[in-house]
């Protein structure tokens, strides 16, 4: 009995440690990402050119998520982990070589087709651009320029799957930093060389993709994985991955269609709507990427290993622990983003071509995206569980229901709420997706939310509400003014965030929240005080 207690604790520790590594690296990436967005907002604002760039940039990103992160990689990790656990390292490396070769050939074809059919793609993805020939032509040109990015970044995603399966998380998590730095430097140094300055950003994207791939190679070699061509596409592992890929691809496609419905409909709204949604989404991606995605990434190898060994009791305990970690961050982050959405956007983006009106409109989108932050976060863990048990049919059914909800709610809400309605529709669709997947997962493996989960959830909500009150009280004594100097706005935001964070952590400590106690224990071990 004691041994069964040790196992989940040990696995929880591995998940927490890996999530910490990914979170720290992702935080660094997000910092550079915000610097990048500040540079974009300052030099290019929110208008015709930036709308064209964001649409063009999302197209290869969509394919990256569908073909690499969304289907091949998540289908690859459980199978690769199974080879590592049940076969030899050499057998696993052979599988990696065949997957690498197959993906390279597929991506080459996709990149060529993307360049050729860029006009058709832009017409489908942003039909509203057709009414503005200048914007349409720019979007087509930028799409063609950036489409090779799909080749490099998708191979990065495969490398990430291999490294994460081998329990190395740092290099993949740091690679986005390289992309952000590349785009920042391109915007600062190359914009004067092009008739349309935003072209510099597209050049930075392609260079960043190349550098990201180059960054993974030394770490793969260091772990004994030397990727090389291997055309044995009838490899049994590839067939196993292929059996998972189709439903995974379709499920990922539905999810990404949900995201792109917002882009398509936003192109029909007043100019700047695409950019408002983009900037708001970037802010939601901070807590989502720094912790939710980090936990999902760190937990997938653990889930896969527990499934491979048939240890479903400890799998459920690891699921509960992972969800508690995510909610410990996403719930207070939700209330803080809602309370401080205007000041945050003002401090980060309001300069140059990004004016106060842009701040107000972006804040509207952020409000409605933030409502669904908890759902965006939780789905990362639940999806990882389904990947590990190699079931993608159930999530596919849930994804189609989610798609229907998103389309229906978008069409209903986009008229009274404009771009804010599109953000709210995305949040509602994600909530529906979580509810359906949670119900299906419970039927498959039994109850996975234990008493500790609910005890922790109540404490987190209570601490978050007290935090909300502290932030509101701060605003009462130190009112926010839109037209204040940057220094005063920054001071307000810094003090409000500090007060809110300190209040939440103090409440979590006083209520003996298990996640808070774990963080304190980890800190003591690192400092050698326990």
Protein backbone atom coordinates (compact mmCIF):
# COMPACT_ATOMS: atom_id res chain seq x y z
CA UNK A 1 0.00 0.00 0.00
CA UNK A 2 2.86 2.32 0.83
CA UNK A 3 4.43 1.62 -2.57
CA UNK A 4 1.26 2.68 -4.35
CA UNK A 5 1.35 5.97 -2.49
CA UNK A 6 4.93 6.64 -3.42
CA UNK A 7 4.41 6.07 -7.11
CA UNK A 8 1.95 8.90 -7.81
CA UNK A 9 3.94 11.26 -5.59
CA UNK A 10 7.09 10.47 -7.53
CA UNK A 11 5.31 10.93 -10.86
CA UNK A 12 3.68 14.14 -9.63
CA UNK A 13 7.13 15.40 -8.71
CA UNK A 14 8.42 14.59 -12.20
CA UNK A 15 5.47 16.38 -13.79
CA UNK A 16 5.88 19.40 -11.52
CA UNK A 17 9.64 19.58 -12.15
CA UNK A 18 9.23 19.30 -15.93
CA UNK A 19 6.36 21.81 -15.88
CA UNK A 20 8.62 24.19 -13.96
CA UNK A 21 11.32 23.95 -16.61
CA UNK A 22 8.84 24.47 -19.45
CA UNK A 23 7.10 27.29 -17.57
CA UNK A 24 10.34 29.19 -16.96
CA UNK A 25 11.43 28.81 -20.58
CA UNK A 26 7.97 29.71 -21.84
CA UNK A 27 7.87 32.77 -19.59
CA UNK A 28 11.11 33.94 -21.20
CA UNK A 29 9.59 33.28 -24.61
CA UNK A 30 6.43 35.20 -23.69
CA UNK A 31 8.49 38.17 -22.47
CA UNK A 32 10.23 38.34 -25.83
CA UNK A 33 6.87 37.73 -27.47
CA UNK A 34 5.41 40.79 -25.80
CA UNK A 35 8.47 42.81 -26.76
CA UNK A 36 7.87 41.60 -30.31
CA UNK A 37 4.20 42.63 -30.16
CA UNK A 38 5.14 45.99 -28.67
CA UNK A 39 7.53 46.52 -31.59
CA UNK A 40 4.82 45.47 -34.08
CA UNK A 41 2.20 47.69 -32.42
CA UNK A 42 4.58 50.65 -32.27
CA UNK A 43 5.83 50.46 -35.85
CA UNK A 44 2.80 49.03 -37.64
CA UNK A 45 -0.22 49.65 -35.36
CA UNK A 46 -3.56 47.92 -36.01
CA UNK A 47 -4.65 48.48 -39.57
CA UNK A 48 -4.55 47.25 -43.15
CA UNK A 49 -0.94 46.01 -43.25
CA UNK A 50 -0.96 44.34 -39.84
CA UNK A 51 -4.29 42.63 -40.57
CA UNK A 52 -2.75 41.25 -43.78
CA UNK A 53 0.36 40.07 -41.92
CA UNK A 54 -1.57 38.38 -39.09
CA UNK A 55 -3.78 36.52 -41.57
CA UNK A 56 -0.75 35.41 -43.60
CA UNK A 57 1.13 34.38 -40.46
CA UNK A 58 -1.80 32.34 -39.13
CA UNK A 59 -2.08 30.26 -42.30
CA UNK A 60 1.27 28.39 -42.00
CA UNK A 61 0.74 28.31 -38.23
CA UNK A 62 -2.57 26.56 -38.81
CA UNK A 63 -0.89 23.87 -40.91
CA UNK A 64 1.89 23.53 -38.32
CA UNK A 65 -0.68 22.81 -35.62
CA UNK A 66 -2.66 20.46 -37.85
CA UNK A 67 0.18 18.44 -39.37
CA UNK A 68 2.88 18.59 -36.72
CA UNK A 69 1.78 19.51 -33.20
CA UNK A 70 -1.84 18.67 -33.91
CA UNK A 71 -1.55 15.22 -35.47
CA UNK A 72 1.87 13.70 -36.13
CA UNK A 73 3.61 14.78 -32.95
CA UNK A 74 0.82 13.93 -30.50
CA UNK A 75 0.29 10.60 -32.27
CA UNK A 76 4.05 10.02 -32.28
CA UNK A 77 4.78 10.64 -28.57
CA UNK A 78 2.67 7.78 -27.09
CA UNK A 79 3.99 5.29 -29.67
CA UNK A 80 7.59 6.47 -29.27
CA UNK A 81 7.23 6.25 -25.46
CA UNK A 82 5.88 2.71 -25.82
CA UNK A 83 8.95 1.76 -27.89
CA UNK A 84 11.23 3.28 -25.26
CA UNK A 85 9.50 1.33 -22.45
CA UNK A 86 8.95 -2.03 -24.17
CA UNK A 87 11.71 -2.18 -26.80
CA UNK A 88 15.27 -0.90 -27.22
CA UNK A 89 16.60 2.62 -27.67
CA UNK A 90 17.75 1.63 -31.15
CA UNK A 91 14.21 0.53 -32.08
CA UNK A 92 12.86 3.86 -30.88
CA UNK A 93 15.49 5.78 -32.88
CA UNK A 94 14.60 3.79 -35.99
CA UNK A 95 10.97 4.84 -35.58
CA UNK A 96 12.08 8.47 -35.18
CA UNK A 97 14.11 8.29 -38.40
CA UNK A 98 11.20 6.96 -40.43
CA UNK A 99 8.84 9.59 -38.98
CA UNK A 100 11.39 12.33 -39.73
CA UNK A 101 11.76 11.19 -43.34
CA UNK A 102 8.01 10.91 -43.91
CA UNK A 103 7.34 14.33 -42.38
CA UNK A 104 10.10 15.97 -44.43
CA UNK A 105 8.65 14.66 -47.70
CA UNK A 106 5.11 15.66 -46.72
CA UNK A 107 6.14 19.17 -45.65
CA UNK A 108 8.08 19.80 -48.86
CA UNK A 109 4.98 19.06 -50.90
CA UNK A 110 2.77 21.20 -48.65
CA UNK A 111 5.16 24.17 -48.83
CA UNK A 112 5.17 24.07 -52.64
CA UNK A 113 1.38 23.80 -52.83
CA UNK A 114 1.01 26.65 -50.34
CA UNK A 115 3.10 29.01 -52.46
CA UNK A 116 1.19 28.09 -55.63
CA UNK A 117 -2.31 28.34 -54.15
CA UNK A 118 -1.74 31.32 -51.84
CA UNK A 119 -4.44 33.46 -53.58
CA UNK A 120 -7.07 30.77 -53.03
CA UNK A 121 -6.01 30.27 -49.41
CA UNK A 122 -6.22 33.98 -48.59
CA UNK A 123 -9.62 34.25 -50.27
CA UNK A 124 -10.94 31.40 -48.12
CA UNK A 125 -9.31 32.54 -44.87
CA UNK A 126 -10.08 36.27 -45.18
CA UNK A 127 -12.89 36.81 -47.71
CA UNK A 128 -13.35 40.39 -46.54
CA UNK A 129 -9.91 41.26 -47.95
CA UNK A 130 -11.16 40.72 -51.51
CA UNK A 131 -12.95 44.07 -51.32
CA UNK A 132 -9.58 45.79 -50.76
CA UNK A 133 -7.19 44.80 -53.62
CA UNK A 134 -4.16 46.35 -51.92
CA UNK A 135 -4.72 44.45 -48.69
CA UNK A 136 -5.55 41.24 -50.55
CA UNK A 137 -2.39 41.40 -52.69
CA UNK A 138 -0.26 42.09 -49.63
CA UNK A 139 -1.76 39.13 -47.76
CA UNK A 140 -1.08 36.84 -50.74
CA UNK A 141 2.52 38.04 -51.03
CA UNK A 142 3.18 37.60 -47.30
CA UNK A 143 1.57 34.15 -47.34
CA UNK A 144 3.88 33.02 -50.14
CA UNK A 145 6.89 34.47 -48.38
CA UNK A 146 6.15 32.78 -45.05
CA UNK A 147 4.83 29.42 -46.24
CA UNK A 148 8.27 27.71 -46.05
CA UNK A 149 8.07 28.38 -42.31
CA UNK A 150 5.73 25.39 -42.08
CA UNK A 151 8.59 23.12 -43.21
CA UNK A 152 11.03 24.20 -40.51
CA UNK A 153 8.68 24.67 -37.57
CA UNK A 154 6.92 21.34 -38.12
CA UNK A 155 10.25 19.53 -37.97
CA UNK A 156 10.90 21.47 -34.77
CA UNK A 157 7.62 20.07 -33.41
CA UNK A 158 8.73 16.51 -34.20
CA UNK A 159 12.06 17.13 -32.47
CA UNK A 160 10.10 18.45 -29.51
CA UNK A 161 8.12 15.21 -29.32
CA UNK A 162 11.31 13.14 -29.35
CA UNK A 163 13.05 15.27 -26.72
CA UNK A 164 10.02 15.42 -24.44
CA UNK A 165 9.60 11.65 -24.61
CA UNK A 166 13.22 11.40 -23.45
CA UNK A 167 12.32 13.81 -20.61
CA UNK A 168 14.25 16.76 -22.03
CA UNK A 169 12.04 19.85 -22.05
CA UNK A 170 14.33 22.89 -22.01
CA UNK A 171 15.47 23.20 -25.65
CA UNK A 172 11.99 22.81 -27.21
CA UNK A 173 10.52 25.30 -24.75
CA UNK A 174 13.25 27.84 -25.47
CA UNK A 175 13.01 27.64 -29.26
CA UNK A 176 10.17 30.21 -29.56
CA UNK A 177 12.54 32.75 -28.00
CA UNK A 178 14.65 32.44 -31.16
CA UNK A 179 11.63 33.20 -33.37
CA UNK A 180 10.67 36.24 -31.32
CA UNK A 181 14.21 37.64 -31.35
CA UNK A 182 14.42 37.06 -35.11
CA UNK A 183 11.16 38.97 -35.73
CA UNK A 184 12.20 41.82 -33.40
CA UNK A 185 15.56 42.27 -35.11
CA UNK A 186 13.93 42.04 -38.54
CA UNK A 187 11.40 44.75 -37.65
CA UNK A 188 14.10 47.01 -36.22
CA UNK A 189 16.68 46.60 -38.99
CA UNK A 190 14.94 45.50 -42.20
CA UNK A 191 11.68 47.45 -42.44
CA UNK A 192 13.36 50.27 -44.36
CA UNK A 193 14.44 47.91 -47.13
CA UNK A 194 10.92 47.07 -48.33
CA UNK A 195 8.22 49.11 -50.05
CA UNK A 196 5.76 47.68 -47.52
CA UNK A 197 7.66 47.73 -44.16
CA UNK A 198 5.63 44.86 -42.63
CA UNK A 199 7.43 42.53 -45.09
CA UNK A 200 10.39 42.63 -42.69
CA UNK A 201 8.34 40.68 -40.16
CA UNK A 202 7.71 37.90 -42.68
CA UNK A 203 11.44 37.64 -43.40
CA UNK A 204 12.07 37.41 -39.65
CA UNK A 205 9.56 34.55 -39.38
CA UNK A 206 11.33 32.42 -42.00
CA UNK A 207 14.79 33.06 -40.53
CA UNK A 208 13.43 32.26 -37.08
CA UNK A 209 12.06 28.93 -38.27
CA UNK A 210 15.45 27.91 -39.64
CA UNK A 211 17.23 28.87 -36.41
CA UNK A 212 14.67 27.04 -34.25
CA UNK A 213 15.32 23.78 -36.09
CA UNK A 214 19.08 24.22 -35.89
CA UNK A 215 18.78 24.73 -32.13
CA UNK A 216 17.24 21.27 -31.53
CA UNK A 217 19.90 19.25 -33.31
CA UNK A 218 22.72 19.28 -30.70
CA UNK A 219 20.33 18.16 -27.94
CA UNK A 220 19.02 15.27 -30.04
CA UNK A 221 22.57 14.11 -30.75
CA UNK A 222 23.46 14.45 -27.07
CA UNK A 223 20.62 12.05 -26.20
CA UNK A 224 21.74 9.54 -28.81
CA UNK A 225 19.21 10.41 -31.51
CA UNK A 226 20.86 11.13 -34.87
CA UNK A 227 18.04 11.69 -37.32
CA UNK A 228 18.75 10.40 -40.82
CA UNK A 229 16.74 9.36 -43.90
CA UNK A 230 14.88 6.07 -43.59
CA UNK A 231 12.21 5.35 -46.18
CA UNK A 232 10.75 2.19 -44.64
CA UNK A 233 7.30 3.69 -44.45
CA UNK A 234 5.80 0.23 -43.80
CA UNK A 235 7.41 0.29 -40.34
CA UNK A 236 4.86 -1.12 -37.83
CA UNK A 237 5.31 1.92 -35.59
CA UNK A 238 4.45 4.22 -38.48
CA UNK A 239 1.31 2.20 -39.16
CA UNK A 240 0.42 2.54 -35.48
CA UNK A 241 0.99 6.30 -35.63
CA UNK A 242 -0.96 6.48 -38.90
CA UNK A 243 -3.96 4.77 -37.30
CA UNK A 244 -4.03 7.57 -34.72
CA UNK A 245 -3.24 10.39 -37.12
CA UNK A 246 -6.47 10.63 -39.13
CA UNK A 247 -8.87 11.15 -36.20
CA UNK A 248 -6.23 13.34 -34.49
CA UNK A 249 -5.85 15.41 -37.65
CA UNK A 250 -9.59 15.84 -37.98
CA UNK A 251 -9.93 16.74 -34.29
CA UNK A 252 -7.13 19.30 -34.55
CA UNK A 253 -8.68 20.63 -37.75
CA UNK A 254 -11.98 21.25 -35.99
CA UNK A 255 -10.20 23.05 -33.14
CA UNK A 256 -8.22 25.24 -35.52
CA UNK A 257 -11.33 25.92 -37.60
CA UNK A 258 -12.86 27.28 -34.38
CA UNK A 259 -9.95 29.71 -34.10
CA UNK A 260 -10.00 30.69 -37.76
CA UNK A 261 -13.73 31.25 -37.86
CA UNK A 262 -12.94 34.28 -35.74
CA UNK A 263 -10.37 35.48 -38.30
CA UNK A 264 -12.71 34.94 -41.25
CA UNK A 265 -15.64 36.73 -39.62
CA UNK A 266 -13.40 39.46 -38.23
CA UNK A 267 -12.30 40.29 -41.78
CA UNK A 268 -15.96 41.20 -42.44
CA UNK A 269 -16.04 43.60 -39.47
CA UNK A 270 -14.55 47.14 -39.31
CA UNK A 271 -10.85 47.46 -40.14
CA UNK A 272 -8.57 46.53 -37.27
CA UNK A 273 -10.82 43.78 -35.88
CA UNK A 274 -8.36 41.01 -36.81
CA UNK A 275 -5.58 42.87 -35.00
CA UNK A 276 -7.69 43.50 -31.87
CA UNK A 277 -8.41 39.79 -31.61
CA UNK A 278 -4.74 38.97 -32.21
CA UNK A 279 -3.41 41.26 -29.48
CA UNK A 280 -6.04 40.06 -26.99
CA UNK A 281 -5.29 36.44 -27.80
CA UNK A 282 -1.60 37.10 -27.18
CA UNK A 283 -2.39 38.24 -23.63
CA UNK A 284 -4.51 35.17 -22.92
CA UNK A 285 -1.68 33.03 -24.29
CA UNK A 286 0.63 34.26 -21.50
CA UNK A 287 -0.88 32.26 -18.60
CA UNK A 288 -2.01 29.60 -21.06
CA UNK A 289 1.46 29.08 -22.50
CA UNK A 290 3.49 29.67 -19.37
CA UNK A 291 1.62 27.12 -17.29
CA UNK A 292 -1.30 25.30 -18.92
CA UNK A 293 0.60 24.23 -22.01
CA UNK A 294 3.68 23.59 -19.85
CA UNK A 295 1.76 21.19 -17.62
CA UNK A 296 0.14 19.47 -20.61
CA UNK A 297 3.53 19.08 -22.30
CA UNK A 298 5.19 17.80 -19.12
CA UNK A 299 2.33 15.42 -18.28
CA UNK A 300 1.99 13.72 -21.69
CA UNK A 301 5.08 11.47 -21.31
CA UNK A 302 3.95 10.56 -17.76
CA UNK A 303 0.42 9.77 -18.94
CA UNK A 304 1.80 7.71 -21.84
CA UNK A 305 4.15 5.77 -19.55
CA UNK A 306 1.37 4.99 -17.06
CA UNK A 307 -0.92 3.82 -19.86
CA UNK A 308 1.88 1.69 -21.37
CA UNK A 309 2.33 -0.07 -18.02
CA UNK A 310 -1.42 -0.34 -17.35
CA UNK A 311 -1.25 1.79 -14.20
CA UNK A 312 -4.62 3.50 -14.55
CA UNK A 313 -5.14 4.20 -10.83
CA UNK A 314 -2.03 6.35 -10.70
CA UNK A 315 -2.95 7.82 -14.10
CA UNK A 316 -6.12 9.25 -12.54
CA UNK A 317 -4.12 10.68 -9.63
CA UNK A 318 -1.70 12.33 -12.04
CA UNK A 319 -4.61 13.81 -14.01
CA UNK A 320 -6.11 15.28 -10.83
CA UNK A 321 -2.75 16.70 -9.78
CA UNK A 322 -2.12 18.24 -13.21
CA UNK A 323 -5.54 19.90 -13.26
CA UNK A 324 -4.98 21.33 -9.78
CA UNK A 325 -1.68 22.83 -10.91
CA UNK A 326 -3.35 24.46 -13.91
CA UNK A 327 -6.30 25.91 -11.97
CA UNK A 328 -3.95 27.27 -9.30
CA UNK A 329 -2.71 29.67 -11.99
CA UNK A 330 -5.59 30.04 -14.46
CA UNK A 331 -8.35 31.02 -11.99
CA UNK A 332 -6.49 33.96 -10.38
CA UNK A 333 -5.10 34.90 -13.80
CA UNK A 334 -8.67 35.08 -15.15
CA UNK A 335 -9.84 37.52 -12.49
CA UNK A 336 -6.64 39.60 -12.70
CA UNK A 337 -6.87 39.91 -16.51
CA UNK A 338 -10.51 40.97 -16.29
CA UNK A 339 -9.82 43.54 -13.58
CA UNK A 340 -6.71 44.99 -15.23
CA UNK A 341 -7.39 44.39 -18.93
CA UNK A 342 -7.33 48.09 -19.87
CA UNK A 343 -4.16 49.02 -17.97
CA UNK A 344 -2.32 45.92 -19.22
CA UNK A 345 -3.06 46.65 -22.87
CA UNK A 346 -2.34 50.35 -22.42
CA UNK A 347 1.09 49.75 -20.87
CA UNK A 348 2.13 47.01 -23.28
CA UNK A 349 0.88 48.33 -26.61
CA UNK A 350 -0.35 51.93 -26.46
CA UNK A 351 2.32 53.88 -28.30
CA UNK A 352 3.03 55.00 -31.84
CA UNK A 353 0.31 53.81 -34.22
CA UNK A 354 -1.55 51.97 -31.42
CA UNK A 355 -3.78 54.64 -29.84
CA UNK A 356 -6.20 54.75 -26.89
CA UNK A 357 -9.12 53.68 -29.08
CA UNK A 358 -7.15 50.57 -30.08
CA UNK A 359 -6.62 49.86 -26.37
CA UNK A 360 -10.36 50.10 -25.64
CA UNK A 361 -11.33 47.82 -28.53
CA UNK A 362 -8.61 45.27 -27.74
CA UNK A 363 -9.73 45.25 -24.09
CA UNK A 364 -13.23 44.25 -25.24
CA UNK A 365 -11.83 41.19 -27.00
CA UNK A 366 -9.61 40.35 -24.00
CA UNK A 367 -12.58 40.38 -21.62
CA UNK A 368 -14.46 37.75 -23.61
CA UNK A 369 -11.41 35.60 -24.29
CA UNK A 370 -10.50 35.64 -20.59
CA UNK A 371 -13.90 34.23 -19.62
CA UNK A 372 -12.81 30.98 -21.29
CA UNK A 373 -9.23 30.90 -19.97
CA UNK A 374 -9.97 28.09 -17.53
CA UNK A 375 -11.44 25.99 -20.35
CA UNK A 376 -8.53 26.72 -22.71
CA UNK A 377 -6.21 25.59 -19.89
CA UNK A 378 -8.03 22.45 -18.78
CA UNK A 379 -8.39 21.16 -22.34
CA UNK A 380 -4.59 20.92 -22.60
CA UNK A 381 -4.45 18.25 -19.89
CA UNK A 382 -7.56 16.37 -21.00
CA UNK A 383 -6.30 16.26 -24.58
CA UNK A 384 -2.97 14.87 -23.34
CA UNK A 385 -4.85 12.07 -21.56
CA UNK A 386 -6.70 11.11 -24.74
CA UNK A 387 -3.42 11.21 -26.69
CA UNK A 388 -1.85 8.86 -24.14
CA UNK A 389 -4.66 6.30 -24.29
CA UNK A 390 -4.52 6.58 -28.09
CA UNK A 391 -8.19 7.48 -28.42
CA UNK A 392 -8.90 10.35 -30.80
CA UNK A 393 -12.38 9.35 -31.95
CA UNK A 394 -14.07 10.58 -28.78
CA UNK A 395 -12.37 14.01 -28.84
CA UNK A 396 -13.24 14.25 -32.54
CA UNK A 397 -16.95 13.93 -31.76
CA UNK A 398 -16.65 16.56 -29.03
CA UNK A 399 -14.72 18.83 -31.39
CA UNK A 400 -17.50 18.75 -34.00
CA UNK A 401 -20.06 19.75 -31.38
CA UNK A 402 -17.71 22.53 -30.29
CA UNK A 403 -17.38 23.69 -33.90
CA UNK A 404 -21.14 23.90 -34.28
CA UNK A 405 -21.43 25.92 -31.05
CA UNK A 406 -18.67 28.28 -32.16
CA UNK A 407 -20.19 28.94 -35.58
CA UNK A 408 -23.68 29.44 -34.20
CA UNK A 409 -22.59 31.72 -31.36
CA UNK A 410 -20.23 33.70 -33.62
CA UNK A 411 -23.01 34.49 -36.05
CA UNK A 412 -25.34 35.45 -33.20
CA UNK A 413 -22.85 37.53 -31.19
CA UNK A 414 -20.75 39.24 -33.88
CA UNK A 415 -23.48 41.77 -34.67
CA UNK A 416 -24.23 43.13 -31.19
CA UNK A 417 -20.69 42.66 -29.78
CA UNK A 418 -18.59 42.94 -32.99
CA UNK A 419 -15.13 41.36 -32.52
CA UNK A 420 -15.90 40.86 -28.80
CA UNK A 421 -18.70 38.49 -29.80
CA UNK A 422 -16.26 36.37 -31.80
CA UNK A 423 -13.98 36.08 -28.76
CA UNK A 424 -16.91 35.13 -26.52
CA UNK A 425 -18.06 32.48 -29.01
CA UNK A 426 -14.59 30.87 -28.91
CA UNK A 427 -14.73 30.79 -25.10
CA UNK A 428 -18.20 29.24 -25.01
CA UNK A 429 -17.23 26.59 -27.57
CA UNK A 430 -14.19 25.62 -25.48
CA UNK A 431 -16.34 25.28 -22.36
CA UNK A 432 -18.67 22.92 -24.21
CA UNK A 433 -15.66 20.92 -25.43
CA UNK A 434 -14.31 20.52 -21.88
CA UNK A 435 -17.69 19.40 -20.55
CA UNK A 436 -18.11 16.74 -23.23
CA UNK A 437 -14.55 15.42 -22.97
CA UNK A 438 -14.71 15.31 -19.17
CA UNK A 439 -17.91 13.23 -19.38
CA UNK A 440 -16.39 10.83 -21.93
CA UNK A 441 -13.14 10.44 -19.99
CA UNK A 442 -15.01 9.64 -16.79
CA UNK A 443 -16.91 6.88 -18.59
CA UNK A 444 -13.63 5.44 -19.94
CA UNK A 445 -11.39 5.42 -16.87
CA UNK A 446 -13.76 6.18 -13.99
CA UNK A 447 -13.82 9.18 -11.67
CA UNK A 448 -10.51 11.05 -11.94
CA UNK A 449 -11.27 14.09 -9.79
CA UNK A 450 -10.57 13.13 -6.18
CA UNK A 451 -11.48 14.84 -2.91
CA UNK A 452 -8.18 16.73 -2.89
CA UNK A 453 -9.09 18.31 -6.25
CA UNK A 454 -12.37 19.77 -4.99
CA UNK A 455 -10.82 20.93 -1.71
CA UNK A 456 -8.09 22.69 -3.66
CA UNK A 457 -10.58 24.21 -6.13
CA UNK A 458 -12.67 25.81 -3.37
CA UNK A 459 -9.55 27.30 -1.80
CA UNK A 460 -8.28 28.65 -5.12
CA UNK A 461 -11.62 30.33 -5.91
CA UNK A 462 -11.83 31.89 -2.44
CA UNK A 463 -8.25 33.18 -2.60
CA UNK A 464 -8.86 34.57 -6.11
CA UNK A 465 -11.96 36.48 -4.97
CA UNK A 466 -10.02 38.05 -2.11
CA UNK A 467 -7.32 38.97 -4.65
CA UNK A 468 -9.98 40.63 -6.84
CA UNK A 469 -11.09 42.71 -3.87
CA UNK A 470 -7.51 43.77 -3.13
CA UNK A 471 -6.99 44.91 -6.75
CA UNK A 472 -10.27 46.84 -6.70
CA UNK A 473 -9.29 48.49 -3.41
CA UNK A 474 -5.96 49.50 -4.92
CA UNK A 475 -7.79 51.17 -7.80
CA UNK A 476 -9.99 53.05 -5.33
CA UNK A 477 -7.00 54.67 -3.58
CA UNK A 478 -4.98 55.11 -6.77
CA UNK A 479 -7.43 55.67 -9.66
CA UNK A 480 -6.50 54.72 -13.21
CA UNK A 481 -6.44 57.46 -15.87
CA UNK A 482 -6.18 56.59 -19.57
CA UNK A 483 -4.34 59.80 -20.44
CA UNK A 484 -1.70 59.59 -17.70
CA UNK A 485 1.98 59.44 -18.60
CA UNK A 486 3.52 56.05 -19.31
CA UNK A 487 5.36 56.16 -15.98
CA UNK A 488 2.15 56.66 -13.99
CA UNK A 489 0.33 53.95 -15.93
CA UNK A 490 3.22 51.54 -15.42
CA UNK A 491 3.33 52.37 -11.70
CA UNK A 492 -0.41 51.70 -11.34
CA UNK A 493 -0.14 48.37 -13.15
CA UNK A 494 2.95 47.24 -11.23
CA UNK A 495 1.44 48.07 -7.83
CA UNK A 496 -1.90 46.44 -8.72
CA UNK A 497 -0.27 43.23 -9.92
CA UNK A 498 2.04 43.09 -6.90
CA UNK A 499 -0.83 43.63 -4.45
CA UNK A 500 -3.00 41.07 -6.23
CA UNK A 501 -0.30 38.41 -6.41
CA UNK A 502 0.76 38.91 -2.79
CA UNK A 503 -2.86 38.71 -1.62
CA UNK A 504 -3.57 35.51 -3.54
CA UNK A 505 -0.40 33.76 -2.36
CA UNK A 506 -1.00 34.84 1.25
CA UNK A 507 -4.57 33.52 1.16
CA UNK A 508 -3.42 30.26 -0.44
CA UNK A 509 -0.83 29.86 2.32
CA UNK A 510 -3.27 30.63 5.13
CA UNK A 511 -5.79 28.12 3.75
CA UNK A 512 -3.01 25.49 3.41
CA UNK A 513 -3.61 25.04 -0.30
CA UNK A 514 -1.79 21.85 -1.37
CA UNK A 515 -0.26 23.43 -4.49
CA UNK A 516 1.00 26.38 -2.43
CA UNK A 517 2.53 24.02 0.13
CA UNK A 518 4.20 22.06 -2.65
CA UNK A 519 5.74 25.24 -4.08
CA UNK A 520 7.06 26.22 -0.66
CA UNK A 521 8.47 22.73 -0.13
CA UNK A 522 10.17 22.79 -3.52
CA UNK A 523 11.66 26.21 -2.79
CA UNK A 524 12.99 25.01 0.57
CA UNK A 525 14.64 22.00 -1.03
CA UNK A 526 16.31 24.16 -3.65
CA UNK A 527 17.55 26.54 -0.95
CA UNK A 528 18.70 23.64 1.20
CA UNK A 529 16.60 24.68 4.19
CA UNK A 530 14.75 21.43 4.64
